[in-house]
Amino acid sequence: MAGSGHAGSREWRPQTKLVRGGLDRTQHRETAEALYLTSGFVYDRAEDAEAAFKGDVQRYIYTRYGNPTVGAFEERLRLLEGAEFCSATSSGMSAVFTALTALLKAGDRVVASRALFGSCSYIISDFLPRYGVETVFVDGTDLAQWEKALSKPTQCVFLETPSNPTLEIIDLGRVAELTHAAGGKLVVDNVLATPMLQRPLEFGADIVVYSATKHIDGQGRALAGAILGPKSYYKDNLQPLLRHTGPACSPFNAWIMLKGLETMDIRVERHCRNAQEVAEFLEKQPGVKRVIYPGLKSHPQYELAKRQMKLPGSVLSFEIDGGKERAFRIQNAFEIIDISNNLGDTKSIVTHPATTTHQRLPEEERLRLGITAGLLRLSVGLEDVEDIKDDLAAALRA
């Protein structure tokens, strides 16, 4: 876990935190953050090692426990999110899994939104029940379902908003109230919004998780994740699990994430501007049945998105006539847009959720979530938006 920040950094504005938060120069006074590629650390005396392991002194012991480069990334993201602690992990899914299992034991109860990323859904629906955890799914946009599910004691609530890939927007403030009344902790996957567009802690969430692989890196280079929340959760729940199961972020990947954070604000703003224009363009194209994007007035939670998010995000989904066959023809016709299951990249990326990220779900459940055979998810990149639209138009004619 990262230590205290640079003097005065708590008063800095977000863009300054992105560039300078957690910066702790060595005696060499380097401009960029130092990269500590080391697995362990040495001691001058045997007594020093004993004191470190007993916790009598605070110092780096082993990179699985903590590392100066990883610590700088954690501190920078912590300052940006406004959290009491941040722990970096090896990937976004390790962040989700560790954040949840640190809270739960056999006999506990989890309530989750139904619209989740495929791997998150697997953890809730398949993995946790193996260990005696009761899991309940609700339609995230239906507050009546949340109220009913949280009318009995619940230890944990998990959701993502906007959701992947159908971009549902969930009322964070109301769900937080219901969660706390049920005695639970609200864990929010904020990956599509990023900390630039939405800060769940300000709406009452307890814990926030990220796949830093997405917009934080933003250039398709490395994997990492992050868990943020109160110090009490870290000390009592998370720290032992992190130390003894080892989902540690590598120092090199943390350094990549530090570099990504420096430009995240301007990248995300441009992503959103491009995505808005592309969404409006797709609404006018023949053969496109619907476009799902929180920045469109046609989105069912348009007003809620405006209240919770600074901008609508970089990802949209659109459904076309012709089902899987035409969806595949469109993907294969792209010249600029890449076929990949990643998102938040500088490059525009498309995927077919029904056969990729959500293919393990039964067809009935996919259709319930709105993931039809004709649905495509588009992560809008930083190319010239006219080129993106031209590529879409040509592919739609194919």
Foldseek 3Di string as FASTA:
>chain_A
DADDWDPPLLVDDLLCLLQGTLADDDPVPDPAHDFDQDFADDDPDPVVLVCVVVVVDDDTGGVLQNDSLQNSLFRSVCSLLVFPGKAKFQFQLVQLLLLVVLQDAAPAEEEEELQAFQVSNCCQPPNVVVRRYHYHYDHQADVVRLLVVLVAAHAEYEYEALGPPQRDHHQLLSSLVSQVVSVYAYEYEDAQQPSLWFRSVVSNHAKYKYFCCAQLLQANDHTMMMMGGHPVSCVRGRSVCSNPVRRHHRSVVSSSSSVSSSCSNVFWVLLLVLQVVLQVLLVPDPQWPHKRWLCDPPHPCVVVSVVGTVGGGNKIKIFGPDFQVLLVQLQVQFDQEDDDPGANHQGKYKYQCCVPRNVPDPPVSCVVVVSTRRMMMIRGHNDDSVSVNVRNNRSNVD
